[in-house]
Amino acid sequence: MSASEKTKAQIEQIAGKAVRKAGHAMGKKTMTAKGAALEARGKARQIKEKGKDGFR
């Protein structure tokens, strides 16, 4: 897993979690959903990169 892709995945997960929790605290369902989507995208990126490393 390249360092830049690993960093992007971690940043997306952390940002998504922060947005999701902030949305939940404010009672905004749309913001909560956007945060969850961002977090899921970060997790998907991490899984993709780990899979690529398996072929190397």
PDB file of N, CA and C in Angstrom:
ATOM      1  N   MET A   1       0.844  -1.164   0.000  1.00  0.00           N
ATOM      2  CA  MET A   1       0.000   0.000   0.000  1.00  0.00           C
ATOM      3  C   MET A   1       0.889   1.226   0.000  1.00  0.00           C
ATOM      4  N   SER A   2       0.711   2.081  -0.993  1.00  0.00           N
ATOM      5  CA  SER A   2       1.550   3.266  -1.060  1.00  0.00           C
ATOM      6  C   SER A   2       1.215   4.199   0.100  1.00  0.00           C
ATOM      7  N   ALA A   3       2.206   4.926   0.522  1.00  0.00           N
ATOM      8  CA  ALA A   3       2.041   5.786   1.692  1.00  0.00           C
ATOM      9  C   ALA A   3       0.981   6.860   1.458  1.00  0.00           C
ATOM     10  N   SER A   4       0.940   7.432   0.259  1.00  0.00           N
ATOM     11  CA  SER A   4      -0.038   8.491  -0.001  1.00  0.00           C
ATOM     12  C   SER A   4      -1.461   7.949  -0.011  1.00  0.00           C
ATOM     13  N   GLU A   5      -1.674   6.781  -0.560  1.00  0.00           N
ATOM     14  CA  GLU A   5      -3.009   6.185  -0.579  1.00  0.00           C
ATOM     15  C   GLU A   5      -3.431   5.765   0.832  1.00  0.00           C
ATOM     16  N   LYS A   6      -2.473   5.271   1.611  1.00  0.00           N
ATOM     17  CA  LYS A   6      -2.776   4.893   2.987  1.00  0.00           C
ATOM     18  C   LYS A   6      -3.180   6.130   3.787  1.00  0.00           C
ATOM     19  N   THR A   7      -2.482   7.220   3.564  1.00  0.00           N
ATOM     20  CA  THR A   7      -2.787   8.464   4.253  1.00  0.00           C
ATOM     21  C   THR A   7      -4.161   8.981   3.848  1.00  0.00           C
ATOM     22  N   LYS A   8      -4.475   8.923   2.544  1.00  0.00           N
ATOM     23  CA  LYS A   8      -5.786   9.362   2.075  1.00  0.00           C
ATOM     24  C   LYS A   8      -6.895   8.552   2.719  1.00  0.00           C
ATOM     25  N   ALA A   9      -6.697   7.253   2.819  1.00  0.00           N
ATOM     26  CA  ALA A   9      -7.704   6.376   3.417  1.00  0.00           C
ATOM     27  C   ALA A   9      -7.920   6.734   4.883  1.00  0.00           C
ATOM     28  N   GLN A  10      -6.845   6.955   5.606  1.00  0.00           N
ATOM     29  CA  GLN A  10      -6.954   7.304   7.024  1.00  0.00           C
ATOM     30  C   GLN A  10      -7.633   8.658   7.218  1.00  0.00           C
ATOM     31  N   ILE A  11      -7.270   9.629   6.385  1.00  0.00           N
ATOM     32  CA  ILE A  11      -7.863  10.961   6.486  1.00  0.00           C
ATOM     33  C   ILE A  11      -9.354  10.909   6.202  1.00  0.00           C
ATOM     34  N   GLU A  12      -9.750  10.153   5.173  1.00  0.00           N
ATOM     35  CA  GLU A  12     -11.173  10.031   4.858  1.00  0.00           C
ATOM     36  C   GLU A  12     -11.928   9.371   5.999  1.00  0.00           C
ATOM     37  N   GLN A  13     -11.344   8.365   6.611  1.00  0.00           N
ATOM     38  CA  GLN A  13     -12.015   7.693   7.721  1.00  0.00           C
ATOM     39  C   GLN A  13     -12.168   8.624   8.922  1.00  0.00           C
ATOM     40  N   ILE A  14     -11.127   9.351   9.238  1.00  0.00           N
ATOM     41  CA  ILE A  14     -11.165  10.255  10.395  1.00  0.00           C
ATOM     42  C   ILE A  14     -12.128  11.415  10.140  1.00  0.00           C
ATOM     43  N   ALA A  15     -12.053  12.011   8.949  1.00  0.00           N
ATOM     44  CA  ALA A  15     -12.948  13.119   8.614  1.00  0.00           C
ATOM     45  C   ALA A  15     -14.397  12.652   8.584  1.00  0.00           C
ATOM     46  N   GLY A  16     -14.632  11.489   8.014  1.00  0.00           N
ATOM     47  CA  GLY A  16     -15.977  10.949   7.959  1.00  0.00           C
ATOM     48  C   GLY A  16     -16.560  10.701   9.336  1.00  0.00           C
ATOM     49  N   LYS A  17     -15.734  10.161  10.219  1.00  0.00           N
ATOM     50  CA  LYS A  17     -16.195   9.902  11.576  1.00  0.00           C
ATOM     51  C   LYS A  17     -16.523  11.214  12.294  1.00  0.00           C
ATOM     52  N   ALA A  18     -15.690  12.228  12.086  1.00  0.00           N
ATOM     53  CA  ALA A  18     -15.930  13.528  12.722  1.00  0.00           C
ATOM     54  C   ALA A  18     -17.223  14.162  12.197  1.00  0.00           C
ATOM     55  N   VAL A  19     -17.429  14.125  10.892  1.00  0.00           N
ATOM     56  CA  VAL A  19     -18.627  14.696  10.290  1.00  0.00           C
ATOM     57  C   VAL A  19     -19.865  13.926  10.757  1.00  0.00           C
ATOM     58  N   ARG A  20     -19.758  12.608  10.778  1.00  0.00           N
ATOM     59  CA  ARG A  20     -20.880  11.770  11.209  1.00  0.00           C
ATOM     60  C   ARG A  20     -21.267  12.076  12.652  1.00  0.00           C
ATOM     61  N   LYS A  21     -20.290  12.181  13.541  1.00  0.00           N
ATOM     62  CA  LYS A  21     -20.580  12.449  14.947  1.00  0.00           C
ATOM     63  C   LYS A  21     -21.113  13.871  15.144  1.00  0.00           C
ATOM     64  N   ALA A  22     -20.579  14.834  14.391  1.00  0.00           N
ATOM     65  CA  ALA A  22     -21.077  16.201  14.492  1.00  0.00           C
ATOM     66  C   ALA A  22     -22.526  16.281  13.999  1.00  0.00           C
ATOM     67  N   GLY A  23     -22.815  15.610  12.914  1.00  0.00           N
ATOM     68  CA  GLY A  23     -24.179  15.585  12.398  1.00  0.00           C
ATOM     69  C   GLY A  23     -25.132  14.934  13.373  1.00  0.00           C
ATOM     70  N   HIS A  24     -24.679  13.861  13.993  1.00  0.00           N
ATOM     71  CA  HIS A  24     -25.511  13.172  14.979  1.00  0.00           C
ATOM     72  C   HIS A  24     -25.766  14.077  16.188  1.00  0.00           C
ATOM     73  N   ALA A  25     -24.739  14.795  16.625  1.00  0.00           N
ATOM     74  CA  ALA A  25     -24.871  15.679  17.782  1.00  0.00           C
ATOM     75  C   ALA A  25     -25.830  16.836  17.492  1.00  0.00           C
ATOM     76  N   MET A  26     -25.830  17.321  16.253  1.00  0.00           N
ATOM     77  CA  MET A  26     -26.709  18.435  15.889  1.00  0.00           C
ATOM     78  C   MET A  26     -28.082  17.962  15.414  1.00  0.00           C
ATOM     79  N   GLY A  27     -28.236  16.657  15.266  1.00  0.00           N
ATOM     80  CA  GLY A  27     -29.514  16.126  14.830  1.00  0.00           C
ATOM     81  C   GLY A  27     -29.779  16.276  13.345  1.00  0.00           C
ATOM     82  N   LYS A  28     -28.723  16.393  12.555  1.00  0.00           N
ATOM     83  CA  LYS A  28     -28.856  16.568  11.108  1.00  0.00           C
ATOM     84  C   LYS A  28     -28.584  15.228  10.424  1.00  0.00           C
ATOM     85  N   LYS A  29     -29.649  14.632   9.904  1.00  0.00           N
ATOM     86  CA  LYS A  29     -29.528  13.305   9.301  1.00  0.00           C
ATOM     87  C   LYS A  29     -28.713  13.337   8.012  1.00  0.00           C
ATOM     88  N   THR A  30     -28.844  14.404   7.239  1.00  0.00           N
ATOM     89  CA  THR A  30     -28.095  14.500   5.983  1.00  0.00           C
ATOM     90  C   THR A  30     -26.595  14.560   6.251  1.00  0.00           C
ATOM     91  N   MET A  31     -26.212  15.351   7.216  1.00  0.00           N
ATOM     92  CA  MET A  31     -24.794  15.484   7.572  1.00  0.00           C
ATOM     93  C   MET A  31     -24.259  14.166   8.112  1.00  0.00           C
ATOM     94  N   THR A  32     -25.076  13.478   8.901  1.00  0.00           N
ATOM     95  CA  THR A  32     -24.680  12.179   9.440  1.00  0.00           C
ATOM     96  C   THR A  32     -24.456  11.185   8.311  1.00  0.00           C
ATOM     97  N   ALA A  33     -25.342  11.185   7.332  1.00  0.00           N
ATOM     98  CA  ALA A  33     -25.221  10.269   6.196  1.00  0.00           C
ATOM     99  C   ALA A  33     -23.986  10.584   5.353  1.00  0.00           C
ATOM    100  N   LYS A  34     -23.717  11.859   5.149  1.00  0.00           N
ATOM    101  CA  LYS A  34     -22.532  12.252   4.374  1.00  0.00           C
ATOM    102  C   LYS A  34     -21.257  11.824   5.091  1.00  0.00           C
ATOM    103  N   GLY A  35     -21.224  11.965   6.397  1.00  0.00           N
ATOM    104  CA  GLY A  35     -20.065  11.537   7.173  1.00  0.00           C
ATOM    105  C   GLY A  35     -19.870  10.029   7.103  1.00  0.00           C
ATOM    106  N   ALA A  36     -20.974   9.298   7.184  1.00  0.00           N
ATOM    107  CA  ALA A  36     -20.890   7.840   7.099  1.00  0.00           C
ATOM    108  C   ALA A  36     -20.401   7.410   5.723  1.00  0.00           C
ATOM    109  N   ALA A  37     -20.849   8.107   4.683  1.00  0.00           N
ATOM    110  CA  ALA A  37     -20.408   7.788   3.322  1.00  0.00           C
ATOM    111  C   ALA A  37     -18.916   8.060   3.156  1.00  0.00           C
ATOM    112  N   LEU A  38     -18.454   9.160   3.707  1.00  0.00           N
ATOM    113  CA  LEU A  38     -17.036   9.498   3.617  1.00  0.00           C
ATOM    114  C   LEU A  38     -16.191   8.467   4.366  1.00  0.00           C
ATOM    115  N   GLU A  39     -16.670   8.059   5.515  1.00  0.00           N
ATOM    116  CA  GLU A  39     -15.957   7.046   6.295  1.00  0.00           C
ATOM    117  C   GLU A  39     -15.915   5.708   5.541  1.00  0.00           C
ATOM    118  N   ALA A  40     -17.018   5.346   4.923  1.00  0.00           N
ATOM    119  CA  ALA A  40     -17.070   4.102   4.150  1.00  0.00           C
ATOM    120  C   ALA A  40     -16.139   4.158   2.943  1.00  0.00           C
ATOM    121  N   ARG A  41     -16.056   5.329   2.313  1.00  0.00           N
ATOM    122  CA  ARG A  41     -15.154   5.481   1.170  1.00  0.00           C
ATOM    123  C   ARG A  41     -13.700   5.293   1.602  1.00  0.00           C
ATOM    124  N   GLY A  42     -13.352   5.815   2.772  1.00  0.00           N
ATOM    125  CA  GLY A  42     -11.998   5.621   3.298  1.00  0.00           C
ATOM    126  C   GLY A  42     -11.695   4.168   3.585  1.00  0.00           C
ATOM    127  N   LYS A  43     -12.682   3.465   4.143  1.00  0.00           N
ATOM    128  CA  LYS A  43     -12.493   2.040   4.427  1.00  0.00           C
ATOM    129  C   LYS A  43     -12.370   1.243   3.129  1.00  0.00           C
ATOM    130  N   ALA A  44     -13.165   1.609   2.134  1.00  0.00           N
ATOM    131  CA  ALA A  44     -13.089   0.920   0.841  1.00  0.00           C
ATOM    132  C   ALA A  44     -11.735   1.146   0.178  1.00  0.00           C
ATOM    133  N   ARG A  45     -11.227   2.361   0.272  1.00  0.00           N
ATOM    134  CA  ARG A  45      -9.909   2.667  -0.297  1.00  0.00           C
ATOM    135  C   ARG A  45      -8.834   1.837   0.391  1.00  0.00           C
ATOM    136  N   GLN A  46      -8.945   1.693   1.701  1.00  0.00           N
ATOM    137  CA  GLN A  46      -7.960   0.911   2.449  1.00  0.00           C
ATOM    138  C   GLN A  46      -8.012  -0.562   2.042  1.00  0.00           C
ATOM    139  N   ILE A  47      -9.204  -1.108   1.888  1.00  0.00           N
ATOM    140  CA  ILE A  47      -9.358  -2.504   1.471  1.00  0.00           C
ATOM    141  C   ILE A  47      -8.800  -2.708   0.069  1.00  0.00           C
ATOM    142  N   LYS A  48      -9.065  -1.759  -0.821  1.00  0.00           N
ATOM    143  CA  LYS A  48      -8.562  -1.837  -2.203  1.00  0.00           C
ATOM    144  C   LYS A  48      -7.045  -1.872  -2.218  1.00  0.00           C
ATOM    145  N   GLU A  49      -6.437  -1.002  -1.450  1.00  0.00           N
ATOM    146  CA  GLU A  49      -4.978  -0.929  -1.435  1.00  0.00           C
ATOM    147  C   GLU A  49      -4.362  -2.180  -0.809  1.00  0.00           C
ATOM    148  N   LYS A  50      -4.995  -2.729   0.201  1.00  0.00           N
ATOM    149  CA  LYS A  50      -4.477  -3.960   0.811  1.00  0.00           C
ATOM    150  C   LYS A  50      -4.575  -5.112  -0.184  1.00  0.00           C
ATOM    151  N   GLY A  51      -5.631  -5.122  -0.978  1.00  0.00           N
ATOM    152  CA  GLY A  51      -5.778  -6.144  -2.018  1.00  0.00           C
ATOM    153  C   GLY A  51      -4.717  -6.023  -3.086  1.00  0.00           C
ATOM    154  N   LYS A  52      -4.382  -4.794  -3.455  1.00  0.00           N
ATOM    155  CA  LYS A  52      -3.331  -4.578  -4.449  1.00  0.00           C
ATOM    156  C   LYS A  52      -1.989  -5.050  -3.911  1.00  0.00           C
ATOM    157  N   ASP A  53      -1.762  -4.838  -2.616  1.00  0.00           N
ATOM    158  CA  ASP A  53      -0.500  -5.281  -2.013  1.00  0.00           C
ATOM    159  C   ASP A  53      -0.380  -6.805  -2.033  1.00  0.00           C
ATOM    160  N   GLY A  54      -1.500  -7.491  -1.980  1.00  0.00           N
ATOM    161  CA  GLY A  54      -1.486  -8.942  -1.994  1.00  0.00           C
ATOM    162  C   GLY A  54      -0.987  -9.512  -3.309  1.00  0.00           C
ATOM    163  N   PHE A  55      -1.124  -8.750  -4.388  1.00  0.00           N
ATOM    164  CA  PHE A  55      -0.682  -9.212  -5.696  1.00  0.00           C
ATOM    165  C   PHE A  55       0.773  -8.865  -5.987  1.00  0.00           C
ATOM    166  N   ARG A  56       1.383  -8.096  -5.151  1.00  0.00           N
ATOM    167  CA  ARG A  56       2.763  -7.664  -5.392  1.00  0.00           C
ATOM    168  C   ARG A  56       3.748  -8.648  -4.829  1.00  0.00           C
TER     169      ARG A  56
END
